[in-house]
Amino acid sequence: VQLQESGPGLVKPSQTLSLTCTVSGGSIKTRNYWWSWIRQAPGKGLEWMGAIAYSGTTEYSPSLKSRAAISRDTSKNQVTLQLNSVTPEDTAVYYCTRGMGGSGYQQDSWGQGTQVTVSS
């Protein structure tokens, strides 16, 4: 399976960030797979943000739950992340991943990542 993130590289503070993960070589509805968004800010570790399951069930990091929304388009085999009210602290490389679960589960496939900078 291949995962490819896409979206704007620059977002202004207070705006909504929208990223898309296009999956090829496998269906996002394949049983037991979860599709996560993980980010890494400069100089920091990986942060799991949230995930959507093959069934459409979603889970979020408590710290981001109020600002993040993950959805999917099964006709396009895509998973989307929306993060509202962004601040410069949301500057990071954002990754789309696949695993057998969300937080705490090993992710066996990763996209190449996409850099997002929040700046006016």
PDB file of N, CA and C in Angstrom:
ATOM      1  N   VAL A   1       0.839  -1.176   0.000  1.00  0.00           N
ATOM      2  CA  VAL A   1       0.000   0.000   0.000  1.00  0.00           C
ATOM      3  C   VAL A   1       0.886   1.242   0.000  1.00  0.00           C
ATOM      4  N   GLN A   2       0.435   2.265  -0.717  1.00  0.00           N
ATOM      5  CA  GLN A   2       1.157   3.533  -0.744  1.00  0.00           C
ATOM      6  C   GLN A   2       0.236   4.652  -0.244  1.00  0.00           C
ATOM      7  N   LEU A   3       0.817   5.559   0.521  1.00  0.00           N
ATOM      8  CA  LEU A   3       0.079   6.679   1.079  1.00  0.00           C
ATOM      9  C   LEU A   3       0.761   7.972   0.632  1.00  0.00           C
ATOM     10  N   GLN A   4      -0.037   8.929   0.206  1.00  0.00           N
ATOM     11  CA  GLN A   4       0.502  10.200  -0.268  1.00  0.00           C
ATOM     12  C   GLN A   4      -0.292  11.357   0.328  1.00  0.00           C
ATOM     13  N   GLU A   5       0.408  12.184   1.109  1.00  0.00           N
ATOM     14  CA  GLU A   5      -0.233  13.347   1.701  1.00  0.00           C
ATOM     15  C   GLU A   5      -0.194  14.528   0.731  1.00  0.00           C
ATOM     16  N   SER A   6      -1.201  15.352   0.812  1.00  0.00           N
ATOM     17  CA  SER A   6      -1.213  16.571  -0.003  1.00  0.00           C
ATOM     18  C   SER A   6      -1.971  17.659   0.731  1.00  0.00           C
ATOM     19  N   GLY A   7      -1.610  18.886   0.428  1.00  0.00           N
ATOM     20  CA  GLY A   7      -2.259  20.016   1.063  1.00  0.00           C
ATOM     21  C   GLY A   7      -1.388  21.245   0.979  1.00  0.00           C
ATOM     22  N   PRO A   8      -1.864  22.365   1.492  1.00  0.00           N
ATOM     23  CA  PRO A   8      -1.103  23.601   1.423  1.00  0.00           C
ATOM     24  C   PRO A   8       0.117  23.561   2.321  1.00  0.00           C
ATOM     25  N   GLY A   9       1.190  24.105   1.866  1.00  0.00           N
ATOM     26  CA  GLY A   9       2.394  24.136   2.679  1.00  0.00           C
ATOM     27  C   GLY A   9       2.409  25.283   3.672  1.00  0.00           C
ATOM     28  N   LEU A  10       1.574  26.280   3.433  1.00  0.00           N
ATOM     29  CA  LEU A  10       1.551  27.460   4.289  1.00  0.00           C
ATOM     30  C   LEU A  10       0.111  27.806   4.639  1.00  0.00           C
ATOM     31  N   VAL A  11      -0.119  27.975   5.923  1.00  0.00           N
ATOM     32  CA  VAL A  11      -1.445  28.332   6.414  1.00  0.00           C
ATOM     33  C   VAL A  11      -1.299  29.512   7.382  1.00  0.00           C
ATOM     34  N   LYS A  12      -2.245  30.415   7.331  1.00  0.00           N
ATOM     35  CA  LYS A  12      -2.190  31.572   8.229  1.00  0.00           C
ATOM     36  C   LYS A  12      -2.795  31.215   9.589  1.00  0.00           C
ATOM     37  N   PRO A  13      -2.299  31.843  10.634  1.00  0.00           N
ATOM     38  CA  PRO A  13      -2.867  31.606  11.966  1.00  0.00           C
ATOM     39  C   PRO A  13      -4.370  31.875  11.982  1.00  0.00           C
ATOM     40  N   SER A  14      -5.075  31.078  12.747  1.00  0.00           N
ATOM     41  CA  SER A  14      -6.527  31.105  12.948  1.00  0.00           C
ATOM     42  C   SER A  14      -7.293  30.425  11.807  1.00  0.00           C
ATOM     43  N   GLN A  15      -6.610  30.097  10.713  1.00  0.00           N
ATOM     44  CA  GLN A  15      -7.298  29.436   9.614  1.00  0.00           C
ATOM     45  C   GLN A  15      -7.410  27.938   9.856  1.00  0.00           C
ATOM     46  N   THR A  16      -8.082  27.252   8.940  1.00  0.00           N
ATOM     47  CA  THR A  16      -8.244  25.809   9.022  1.00  0.00           C
ATOM     48  C   THR A  16      -7.288  25.122   8.055  1.00  0.00           C
ATOM     49  N   LEU A  17      -6.548  24.161   8.601  1.00  0.00           N
ATOM     50  CA  LEU A  17      -5.643  23.354   7.793  1.00  0.00           C
ATOM     51  C   LEU A  17      -6.399  22.131   7.297  1.00  0.00           C
ATOM     52  N   SER A  18      -6.265  21.853   6.010  1.00  0.00           N
ATOM     53  CA  SER A  18      -6.897  20.675   5.439  1.00  0.00           C
ATOM     54  C   SER A  18      -5.872  19.883   4.653  1.00  0.00           C
ATOM     55  N   LEU A  19      -5.692  18.623   5.047  1.00  0.00           N
ATOM     56  CA  LEU A  19      -4.759  17.725   4.372  1.00  0.00           C
ATOM     57  C   LEU A  19      -5.490  16.483   3.891  1.00  0.00           C
ATOM     58  N   THR A  20      -5.032  15.970   2.766  1.00  0.00           N
ATOM     59  CA  THR A  20      -5.623  14.758   2.193  1.00  0.00           C
ATOM     60  C   THR A  20      -4.576  13.674   2.074  1.00  0.00           C
ATOM     61  N   CYS A  21      -4.962  12.468   2.407  1.00  0.00           N
ATOM     62  CA  CYS A  21      -4.121  11.292   2.229  1.00  0.00           C
ATOM     63  C   CYS A  21      -4.769  10.413   1.167  1.00  0.00           C
ATOM     64  N   THR A  22      -4.079  10.238   0.055  1.00  0.00           N
ATOM     65  CA  THR A  22      -4.577   9.386  -1.008  1.00  0.00           C
ATOM     66  C   THR A  22      -3.898   8.021  -0.903  1.00  0.00           C
ATOM     67  N   VAL A  23      -4.710   6.983  -0.789  1.00  0.00           N
ATOM     68  CA  VAL A  23      -4.208   5.631  -0.589  1.00  0.00           C
ATOM     69  C   VAL A  23      -4.313   4.842  -1.890  1.00  0.00           C
ATOM     70  N   SER A  24      -3.250   4.170  -2.252  1.00  0.00           N
ATOM     71  CA  SER A  24      -3.258   3.309  -3.430  1.00  0.00           C
ATOM     72  C   SER A  24      -2.692   1.939  -3.060  1.00  0.00           C
ATOM     73  N   GLY A  25      -3.110   0.937  -3.800  1.00  0.00           N
ATOM     74  CA  GLY A  25      -2.643  -0.413  -3.532  1.00  0.00           C
ATOM     75  C   GLY A  25      -3.413  -1.119  -2.440  1.00  0.00           C
ATOM     76  N   GLY A  26      -4.479  -0.513  -1.971  1.00  0.00           N
ATOM     77  CA  GLY A  26      -5.303  -1.112  -0.936  1.00  0.00           C
ATOM     78  C   GLY A  26      -6.469  -0.211  -0.617  1.00  0.00           C
ATOM     79  N   SER A  27      -7.536  -0.783  -0.101  1.00  0.00           N
ATOM     80  CA  SER A  27      -8.736  -0.012   0.198  1.00  0.00           C
ATOM     81  C   SER A  27      -8.741   0.481   1.636  1.00  0.00           C
ATOM     82  N   ILE A  28      -9.202   1.699   1.842  1.00  0.00           N
ATOM     83  CA  ILE A  28      -9.312   2.213   3.205  1.00  0.00           C
ATOM     84  C   ILE A  28     -10.448   1.517   3.965  1.00  0.00           C
ATOM     85  N   LYS A  29     -11.237   0.717   3.278  1.00  0.00           N
ATOM     86  CA  LYS A  29     -12.287  -0.053   3.938  1.00  0.00           C
ATOM     87  C   LYS A  29     -11.862  -1.465   4.293  1.00  0.00           C
ATOM     88  N   THR A  30     -10.589  -1.791   4.026  1.00  0.00           N
ATOM     89  CA  THR A  30     -10.109  -3.127   4.350  1.00  0.00           C
ATOM     90  C   THR A  30     -10.223  -3.365   5.838  1.00  0.00           C
ATOM     91  N   ARG A  31     -10.854  -4.473   6.186  1.00  0.00           N
ATOM     92  CA  ARG A  31     -11.166  -4.767   7.580  1.00  0.00           C
ATOM     93  C   ARG A  31      -9.933  -4.727   8.465  1.00  0.00           C
ATOM     94  N   ASN A  32     -10.133  -4.132   9.653  1.00  0.00           N
ATOM     95  CA  ASN A  32      -9.144  -4.082  10.732  1.00  0.00           C
ATOM     96  C   ASN A  32      -8.079  -3.007  10.568  1.00  0.00           C
ATOM     97  N   TYR A  33      -8.059  -2.295   9.459  1.00  0.00           N
ATOM     98  CA  TYR A  33      -7.060  -1.236   9.321  1.00  0.00           C
ATOM     99  C   TYR A  33      -7.609   0.118   9.776  1.00  0.00           C
ATOM    100  N   TRP A  34      -6.724   0.859  10.409  1.00  0.00           N
ATOM    101  CA  TRP A  34      -6.994   2.226  10.832  1.00  0.00           C
ATOM    102  C   TRP A  34      -6.021   3.131  10.108  1.00  0.00           C
ATOM    103  N   TRP A  35      -6.470   4.349   9.830  1.00  0.00           N
ATOM    104  CA  TRP A  35      -5.681   5.324   9.090  1.00  0.00           C
ATOM    105  C   TRP A  35      -5.485   6.551   9.983  1.00  0.00           C
ATOM    106  N   SER A  36      -4.235   6.773  10.344  1.00  0.00           N
ATOM    107  CA  SER A  36      -3.923   7.805  11.331  1.00  0.00           C
ATOM    108  C   SER A  36      -3.254   9.018  10.695  1.00  0.00           C
ATOM    109  N   TRP A  37      -3.347  10.103  11.416  1.00  0.00           N
ATOM    110  CA  TRP A  37      -2.543  11.294  11.126  1.00  0.00           C
ATOM    111  C   TRP A  37      -1.584  11.479  12.300  1.00  0.00           C
ATOM    112  N   ILE A  38      -0.327  11.625  11.972  1.00  0.00           N
ATOM    113  CA  ILE A  38       0.748  11.793  12.946  1.00  0.00           C
ATOM    114  C   ILE A  38       1.580  12.978  12.488  1.00  0.00           C
ATOM    115  N   ARG A  39       2.024  13.797  13.418  1.00  0.00           N
ATOM    116  CA  ARG A  39       2.826  14.949  13.033  1.00  0.00           C
ATOM    117  C   ARG A  39       4.096  15.023  13.874  1.00  0.00           C
ATOM    118  N   GLN A  40       5.058  15.743  13.334  1.00  0.00           N
ATOM    119  CA  GLN A  40       6.309  15.964  14.051  1.00  0.00           C
ATOM    120  C   GLN A  40       6.708  17.420  13.882  1.00  0.00           C
ATOM    121  N   ALA A  41       6.650  18.153  14.974  1.00  0.00           N
ATOM    122  CA  ALA A  41       7.050  19.547  14.985  1.00  0.00           C
ATOM    123  C   ALA A  41       8.577  19.638  15.050  1.00  0.00           C
ATOM    124  N   PRO A  42       9.138  20.740  14.636  1.00  0.00           N
ATOM    125  CA  PRO A  42      10.604  20.893  14.649  1.00  0.00           C
ATOM    126  C   PRO A  42      11.179  20.636  16.028  1.00  0.00           C
ATOM    127  N   GLY A  43      12.133  19.733  16.093  1.00  0.00           N
ATOM    128  CA  GLY A  43      12.810  19.448  17.345  1.00  0.00           C
ATOM    129  C   GLY A  43      12.016  18.634  18.341  1.00  0.00           C
ATOM    130  N   LYS A  44      10.861  18.122  17.923  1.00  0.00           N
ATOM    131  CA  LYS A  44      10.008  17.361  18.840  1.00  0.00           C
ATOM    132  C   LYS A  44       9.770  15.952  18.307  1.00  0.00           C
ATOM    133  N   GLY A  45       9.169  15.143  19.113  1.00  0.00           N
ATOM    134  CA  GLY A  45       8.881  13.770  18.728  1.00  0.00           C
ATOM    135  C   GLY A  45       7.596  13.656  17.929  1.00  0.00           C
ATOM    136  N   LEU A  46       7.260  12.435  17.585  1.00  0.00           N
ATOM    137  CA  LEU A  46       6.045  12.171  16.846  1.00  0.00           C
ATOM    138  C   LEU A  46       4.823  12.337  17.751  1.00  0.00           C
ATOM    139  N   GLU A  47       3.790  12.936  17.208  1.00  0.00           N
ATOM    140  CA  GLU A  47       2.544  13.133  17.947  1.00  0.00           C
ATOM    141  C   GLU A  47       1.396  12.535  17.155  1.00  0.00           C
ATOM    142  N   TRP A  48       0.752  11.525  17.724  1.00  0.00           N
ATOM    143  CA  TRP A  48      -0.422  10.944  17.109  1.00  0.00           C
ATOM    144  C   TRP A  48      -1.598  11.905  17.301  1.00  0.00           C
ATOM    145  N   MET A  49      -2.285  12.213  16.199  1.00  0.00           N
ATOM    146  CA  MET A  49      -3.355  13.202  16.255  1.00  0.00           C
ATOM    147  C   MET A  49      -4.742  12.569  16.290  1.00  0.00           C
ATOM    148  N   GLY A  50      -4.917  11.533  15.512  1.00  0.00           N
ATOM    149  CA  GLY A  50      -6.216  10.896  15.435  1.00  0.00           C
ATOM    150  C   GLY A  50      -6.232   9.882  14.318  1.00  0.00           C
ATOM    151  N   ALA A  51      -7.342   9.146  14.209  1.00  0.00           N
ATOM    152  CA  ALA A  51      -7.427   8.093  13.205  1.00  0.00           C
ATOM    153  C   ALA A  51      -8.867   7.824  12.843  1.00  0.00           C
ATOM    154  N   ILE A  52      -9.020   7.213  11.670  1.00  0.00           N
ATOM    155  CA  ILE A  52     -10.329   6.749  11.239  1.00  0.00           C
ATOM    156  C   ILE A  52     -10.198   5.276  10.879  1.00  0.00           C
ATOM    157  N   ALA A  53     -11.149   4.494  11.332  1.00  0.00           N
ATOM    158  CA  ALA A  53     -11.094   3.054  11.107  1.00  0.00           C
ATOM    159  C   ALA A  53     -11.724   2.670   9.771  1.00  0.00           C
ATOM    160  N   TYR A  54     -11.506   1.416   9.392  1.00  0.00           N
ATOM    161  CA  TYR A  54     -12.104   0.865   8.177  1.00  0.00           C
ATOM    162  C   TYR A  54     -13.632   1.014   8.194  1.00  0.00           C
ATOM    163  N   SER A  55     -14.179   1.054   9.389  1.00  0.00           N
ATOM    164  CA  SER A  55     -15.630   1.161   9.556  1.00  0.00           C
ATOM    165  C   SER A  55     -16.120   2.601   9.515  1.00  0.00           C
ATOM    166  N   GLY A  56     -15.196   3.542   9.604  1.00  0.00           N
ATOM    167  CA  GLY A  56     -15.569   4.955   9.665  1.00  0.00           C
ATOM    168  C   GLY A  56     -15.530   5.532  11.069  1.00  0.00           C
ATOM    169  N   THR A  57     -15.324   4.685  12.066  1.00  0.00           N
ATOM    170  CA  THR A  57     -15.175   5.157  13.444  1.00  0.00           C
ATOM    171  C   THR A  57     -13.928   6.015  13.567  1.00  0.00           C
ATOM    172  N   THR A  58     -14.027   7.085  14.356  1.00  0.00           N
ATOM    173  CA  THR A  58     -12.882   7.970  14.541  1.00  0.00           C
ATOM    174  C   THR A  58     -12.448   8.029  16.003  1.00  0.00           C
ATOM    175  N   GLU A  59     -11.178   8.283  16.204  1.00  0.00           N
ATOM    176  CA  GLU A  59     -10.601   8.508  17.515  1.00  0.00           C
ATOM    177  C   GLU A  59      -9.647   9.685  17.416  1.00  0.00           C
ATOM    178  N   TYR A  60      -9.534  10.434  18.509  1.00  0.00           N
ATOM    179  CA  TYR A  60      -8.677  11.615  18.494  1.00  0.00           C
ATOM    180  C   TYR A  60      -7.836  11.682  19.751  1.00  0.00           C
ATOM    181  N   SER A  61      -6.688  12.341  19.617  1.00  0.00           N
ATOM    182  CA  SER A  61      -5.903  12.686  20.772  1.00  0.00           C
ATOM    183  C   SER A  61      -6.704  13.672  21.610  1.00  0.00           C
ATOM    184  N   PRO A  62      -6.762  13.472  22.924  1.00  0.00           N
ATOM    185  CA  PRO A  62      -7.533  14.396  23.776  1.00  0.00           C
ATOM    186  C   PRO A  62      -7.088  15.847  23.620  1.00  0.00           C
ATOM    187  N   SER A  63      -5.812  16.033  23.364  1.00  0.00           N
ATOM    188  CA  SER A  63      -5.295  17.397  23.269  1.00  0.00           C
ATOM    189  C   SER A  63      -5.727  18.102  21.990  1.00  0.00           C
ATOM    190  N   LEU A  64      -6.185  17.349  21.005  1.00  0.00           N
ATOM    191  CA  LEU A  64      -6.559  17.935  19.714  1.00  0.00           C
ATOM    192  C   LEU A  64      -8.030  17.728  19.371  1.00  0.00           C
ATOM    193  N   LYS A  65      -8.732  17.013  20.203  1.00  0.00           N
ATOM    194  CA  LYS A  65     -10.091  16.596  19.874  1.00  0.00           C
ATOM    195  C   LYS A  65     -11.004  17.771  19.532  1.00  0.00           C
ATOM    196  N   SER A  66     -10.784  18.895  20.197  1.00  0.00           N
ATOM    197  CA  SER A  66     -11.673  20.029  19.972  1.00  0.00           C
ATOM    198  C   SER A  66     -11.391  20.752  18.662  1.00  0.00           C
ATOM    199  N   ARG A  67     -10.227  20.472  18.063  1.00  0.00           N
ATOM    200  CA  ARG A  67      -9.860  21.206  16.850  1.00  0.00           C
ATOM    201  C   ARG A  67      -9.722  20.331  15.617  1.00  0.00           C
ATOM    202  N   ALA A  68      -9.646  19.025  15.800  1.00  0.00           N
ATOM    203  CA  ALA A  68      -9.358  18.142  14.666  1.00  0.00           C
ATOM    204  C   ALA A  68     -10.600  17.380  14.222  1.00  0.00           C
ATOM    205  N   ALA A  69     -10.638  17.098  12.924  1.00  0.00           N
ATOM    206  CA  ALA A  69     -11.701  16.264  12.365  1.00  0.00           C
ATOM    207  C   ALA A  69     -11.105  15.423  11.242  1.00  0.00           C
ATOM    208  N   ILE A  70     -11.325  14.131  11.328  1.00  0.00           N
ATOM    209  CA  ILE A  70     -10.840  13.205  10.305  1.00  0.00           C
ATOM    210  C   ILE A  70     -12.039  12.580   9.615  1.00  0.00           C
ATOM    211  N   SER A  71     -11.998  12.580   8.306  1.00  0.00           N
ATOM    212  CA  SER A  71     -13.087  12.015   7.522  1.00  0.00           C
ATOM    213  C   SER A  71     -12.512  11.220   6.359  1.00  0.00           C
ATOM    214  N   ARG A  72     -13.384  10.601   5.584  1.00  0.00           N
ATOM    215  CA  ARG A  72     -12.910   9.806   4.462  1.00  0.00           C
ATOM    216  C   ARG A  72     -13.860   9.927   3.284  1.00  0.00           C
ATOM    217  N   ASP A  73     -13.293   9.687   2.108  1.00  0.00           N
ATOM    218  CA  ASP A  73     -14.077   9.587   0.888  1.00  0.00           C
ATOM    219  C   ASP A  73     -13.755   8.220   0.302  1.00  0.00           C
ATOM    220  N   THR A  74     -14.632   7.280   0.505  1.00  0.00           N
ATOM    221  CA  THR A  74     -14.345   5.917   0.072  1.00  0.00           C
ATOM    222  C   THR A  74     -14.332   5.796  -1.451  1.00  0.00           C
ATOM    223  N   SER A  75     -15.048   6.675  -2.145  1.00  0.00           N
ATOM    224  CA  SER A  75     -15.060   6.613  -3.607  1.00  0.00           C
ATOM    225  C   SER A  75     -13.705   7.019  -4.187  1.00  0.00           C
ATOM    226  N   LYS A  76     -12.988   7.852  -3.450  1.00  0.00           N
ATOM    227  CA  LYS A  76     -11.663   8.296  -3.904  1.00  0.00           C
ATOM    228  C   LYS A  76     -10.532   7.598  -3.140  1.00  0.00           C
ATOM    229  N   ASN A  77     -10.903   6.788  -2.152  1.00  0.00           N
ATOM    230  CA  ASN A  77      -9.905   6.109  -1.309  1.00  0.00           C
ATOM    231  C   ASN A  77      -8.986   7.126  -0.636  1.00  0.00           C
ATOM    232  N   GLN A  78      -9.606   8.122  -0.049  1.00  0.00           N
ATOM    233  CA  GLN A  78      -8.872   9.210   0.583  1.00  0.00           C
ATOM    234  C   GLN A  78      -9.318   9.410   2.032  1.00  0.00           C
ATOM    235  N   VAL A  79      -8.376   9.859   2.832  1.00  0.00           N
ATOM    236  CA  VAL A  79      -8.642  10.237   4.216  1.00  0.00           C
ATOM    237  C   VAL A  79      -8.234  11.698   4.368  1.00  0.00           C
ATOM    238  N   THR A  80      -9.048  12.466   5.051  1.00  0.00           N
ATOM    239  CA  THR A  80      -8.805  13.898   5.178  1.00  0.00           C
ATOM    240  C   THR A  80      -8.688  14.305   6.643  1.00  0.00           C
ATOM    241  N   LEU A  81      -7.751  15.216   6.888  1.00  0.00           N
ATOM    242  CA  LEU A  81      -7.593  15.810   8.208  1.00  0.00           C
ATOM    243  C   LEU A  81      -7.933  17.286   8.102  1.00  0.00           C
ATOM    244  N   GLN A  82      -8.767  17.765   8.989  1.00  0.00           N
ATOM    245  CA  GLN A  82      -9.002  19.197   9.128  1.00  0.00           C
ATOM    246  C   GLN A  82      -8.621  19.596  10.552  1.00  0.00           C
ATOM    247  N   LEU A  83      -7.841  20.653  10.646  1.00  0.00           N
ATOM    248  CA  LEU A  83      -7.420  21.170  11.942  1.00  0.00           C
ATOM    249  C   LEU A  83      -7.737  22.668  11.951  1.00  0.00           C
ATOM    250  N   ASN A  84      -8.637  23.077  12.823  1.00  0.00           N
ATOM    251  CA  ASN A  84      -9.044  24.478  12.794  1.00  0.00           C
ATOM    252  C   ASN A  84      -8.283  25.301  13.828  1.00  0.00           C
ATOM    253  N   SER A  85      -8.419  26.612  13.676  1.00  0.00           N
ATOM    254  CA  SER A  85      -7.794  27.569  14.597  1.00  0.00           C
ATOM    255  C   SER A  85      -6.303  27.293  14.778  1.00  0.00           C
ATOM    256  N   VAL A  86      -5.603  27.141  13.679  1.00  0.00           N
ATOM    257  CA  VAL A  86      -4.181  26.786  13.778  1.00  0.00           C
ATOM    258  C   VAL A  86      -3.365  27.952  14.324  1.00  0.00           C
ATOM    259  N   THR A  87      -2.258  27.605  14.959  1.00  0.00           N
ATOM    260  CA  THR A  87      -1.290  28.561  15.483  1.00  0.00           C
ATOM    261  C   THR A  87       0.090  28.136  14.992  1.00  0.00           C
ATOM    262  N   PRO A  88       1.093  28.968  15.178  1.00  0.00           N
ATOM    263  CA  PRO A  88       2.444  28.566  14.772  1.00  0.00           C
ATOM    264  C   PRO A  88       2.905  27.260  15.412  1.00  0.00           C
ATOM    265  N   GLU A  89       2.324  26.904  16.538  1.00  0.00           N
ATOM    266  CA  GLU A  89       2.683  25.637  17.190  1.00  0.00           C
ATOM    267  C   GLU A  89       2.214  24.419  16.410  1.00  0.00           C
ATOM    268  N   ASP A  90       1.356  24.626  15.430  1.00  0.00           N
ATOM    269  CA  ASP A  90       0.907  23.525  14.572  1.00  0.00           C
ATOM    270  C   ASP A  90       1.836  23.317  13.375  1.00  0.00           C
ATOM    271  N   THR A  91       2.884  24.104  13.280  1.00  0.00           N
ATOM    272  CA  THR A  91       3.887  23.899  12.242  1.00  0.00           C
ATOM    273  C   THR A  91       4.570  22.557  12.460  1.00  0.00           C
ATOM    274  N   ALA A  92       4.548  21.724  11.435  1.00  0.00           N
ATOM    275  CA  ALA A  92       5.073  20.366  11.589  1.00  0.00           C
ATOM    276  C   ALA A  92       5.084  19.666  10.231  1.00  0.00           C
ATOM    277  N   VAL A  93       5.732  18.520  10.223  1.00  0.00           N
ATOM    278  CA  VAL A  93       5.568  17.593   9.101  1.00  0.00           C
ATOM    279  C   VAL A  93       4.422  16.662   9.477  1.00  0.00           C
ATOM    280  N   TYR A  94       3.461  16.552   8.580  1.00  0.00           N
ATOM    281  CA  TYR A  94       2.267  15.752   8.831  1.00  0.00           C
ATOM    282  C   TYR A  94       2.337  14.468   8.004  1.00  0.00           C
ATOM    283  N   TYR A  95       2.107  13.348   8.697  1.00  0.00           N
ATOM    284  CA  TYR A  95       2.167  12.038   8.067  1.00  0.00           C
ATOM    285  C   TYR A  95       0.817  11.340   8.122  1.00  0.00           C
ATOM    286  N   CYS A  96       0.512  10.640   7.071  1.00  0.00           N
ATOM    287  CA  CYS A  96      -0.619   9.718   7.028  1.00  0.00           C
ATOM    288  C   CYS A  96      -0.056   8.310   7.193  1.00  0.00           C
ATOM    289  N   THR A  97      -0.690   7.509   8.032  1.00  0.00           N
ATOM    290  CA  THR A  97      -0.152   6.178   8.301  1.00  0.00           C
ATOM    291  C   THR A  97      -1.276   5.146   8.336  1.00  0.00           C
ATOM    292  N   ARG A  98      -0.877   3.883   8.277  1.00  0.00           N
ATOM    293  CA  ARG A  98      -1.811   2.774   8.410  1.00  0.00           C
ATOM    294  C   ARG A  98      -1.362   1.865   9.544  1.00  0.00           C
ATOM    295  N   GLY A  99      -2.323   1.422  10.325  1.00  0.00           N
ATOM    296  CA  GLY A  99      -2.006   0.477  11.384  1.00  0.00           C
ATOM    297  C   GLY A  99      -3.214  -0.377  11.719  1.00  0.00           C
ATOM    298  N   MET A 100      -3.038  -1.228  12.711  1.00  0.00           N
ATOM    299  CA  MET A 100      -4.133  -2.089  13.143  1.00  0.00           C
ATOM    300  C   MET A 100      -4.963  -1.411  14.220  1.00  0.00           C
ATOM    301  N   GLY A 101      -4.616  -0.185  14.519  1.00  0.00           N
ATOM    302  CA  GLY A 101      -5.357   0.605  15.482  1.00  0.00           C
ATOM    303  C   GLY A 101      -4.841   2.021  15.445  1.00  0.00           C
ATOM    304  N   GLY A 102      -5.281   2.825  16.393  1.00  0.00           N
ATOM    305  CA  GLY A 102      -4.839   4.211  16.447  1.00  0.00           C
ATOM    306  C   GLY A 102      -3.659   4.399  17.375  1.00  0.00           C
ATOM    307  N   SER A 103      -3.878   5.239  18.395  1.00  0.00           N
ATOM    308  CA  SER A 103      -2.804   5.528  19.322  1.00  0.00           C
ATOM    309  C   SER A 103      -2.282   4.271  19.998  1.00  0.00           C
ATOM    310  N   GLY A 104      -0.980   4.124  20.049  1.00  0.00           N
ATOM    311  CA  GLY A 104      -0.353   3.003  20.715  1.00  0.00           C
ATOM    312  C   GLY A 104      -0.119   1.795  19.844  1.00  0.00           C
ATOM    313  N   TYR A 105      -0.674   1.796  18.661  1.00  0.00           N
ATOM    314  CA  TYR A 105      -0.494   0.675  17.743  1.00  0.00           C
ATOM    315  C   TYR A 105       0.638   0.993  16.769  1.00  0.00           C
ATOM    316  N   GLN A 106       1.388  -0.024  16.425  1.00  0.00           N
ATOM    317  CA  GLN A 106       2.440   0.161  15.441  1.00  0.00           C
ATOM    318  C   GLN A 106       1.817   0.466  14.084  1.00  0.00           C
ATOM    319  N   GLN A 107       2.385   1.429  13.416  1.00  0.00           N
ATOM    320  CA  GLN A 107       1.934   1.813  12.076  1.00  0.00           C
ATOM    321  C   GLN A 107       2.858   1.152  11.060  1.00  0.00           C
ATOM    322  N   ASP A 108       2.276   0.377  10.154  1.00  0.00           N
ATOM    323  CA  ASP A 108       3.132  -0.398   9.254  1.00  0.00           C
ATOM    324  C   ASP A 108       3.373   0.260   7.896  1.00  0.00           C
ATOM    325  N   SER A 109       2.650   1.313   7.615  1.00  0.00           N
ATOM    326  CA  SER A 109       2.870   2.031   6.355  1.00  0.00           C
ATOM    327  C   SER A 109       2.765   3.524   6.618  1.00  0.00           C
ATOM    328  N   TRP A 110       3.671   4.274   6.001  1.00  0.00           N
ATOM    329  CA  TRP A 110       3.736   5.718   6.197  1.00  0.00           C
ATOM    330  C   TRP A 110       3.815   6.428   4.849  1.00  0.00           C
ATOM    331  N   GLY A 111       3.172   7.576   4.767  1.00  0.00           N
ATOM    332  CA  GLY A 111       3.408   8.444   3.635  1.00  0.00           C
ATOM    333  C   GLY A 111       4.747   9.146   3.802  1.00  0.00           C
ATOM    334  N   GLN A 112       5.143   9.899   2.819  1.00  0.00           N
ATOM    335  CA  GLN A 112       6.429  10.586   2.876  1.00  0.00           C
ATOM    336  C   GLN A 112       6.368  11.812   3.772  1.00  0.00           C
ATOM    337  N   GLY A 113       5.170  12.249   4.096  1.00  0.00           N
ATOM    338  CA  GLY A 113       5.006  13.423   4.940  1.00  0.00           C
ATOM    339  C   GLY A 113       4.905  14.698   4.121  1.00  0.00           C
ATOM    340  N   THR A 114       4.209  15.659   4.687  1.00  0.00           N
ATOM    341  CA  THR A 114       4.084  16.963   4.035  1.00  0.00           C
ATOM    342  C   THR A 114       4.330  18.056   5.062  1.00  0.00           C
ATOM    343  N   GLN A 115       5.168  19.003   4.711  1.00  0.00           N
ATOM    344  CA  GLN A 115       5.499  20.102   5.613  1.00  0.00           C
ATOM    345  C   GLN A 115       4.378  21.133   5.605  1.00  0.00           C
ATOM    346  N   VAL A 116       3.946  21.503   6.796  1.00  0.00           N
ATOM    347  CA  VAL A 116       2.964  22.582   6.941  1.00  0.00           C
ATOM    348  C   VAL A 116       3.562  23.642   7.860  1.00  0.00           C
ATOM    349  N   THR A 117       3.557  24.855   7.389  1.00  0.00           N
ATOM    350  CA  THR A 117       4.036  25.989   8.182  1.00  0.00           C
ATOM    351  C   THR A 117       2.877  26.925   8.438  1.00  0.00           C
ATOM    352  N   VAL A 118       2.709  27.283   9.706  1.00  0.00           N
ATOM    353  CA  VAL A 118       1.669  28.241  10.077  1.00  0.00           C
ATOM    354  C   VAL A 118       2.346  29.570  10.350  1.00  0.00           C
ATOM    355  N   SER A 119       2.052  30.529   9.513  1.00  0.00           N
ATOM    356  CA  SER A 119       2.707  31.830   9.618  1.00  0.00           C
ATOM    357  C   SER A 119       1.887  32.862   8.865  1.00  0.00           C
ATOM    358  N   SER A 120       1.915  34.068   9.386  1.00  0.00           N
ATOM    359  CA  SER A 120       1.234  35.167   8.694  1.00  0.00           C
ATOM    360  C   SER A 120       2.155  35.804   7.666  1.00  0.00           C
TER     361      SER A 120
END
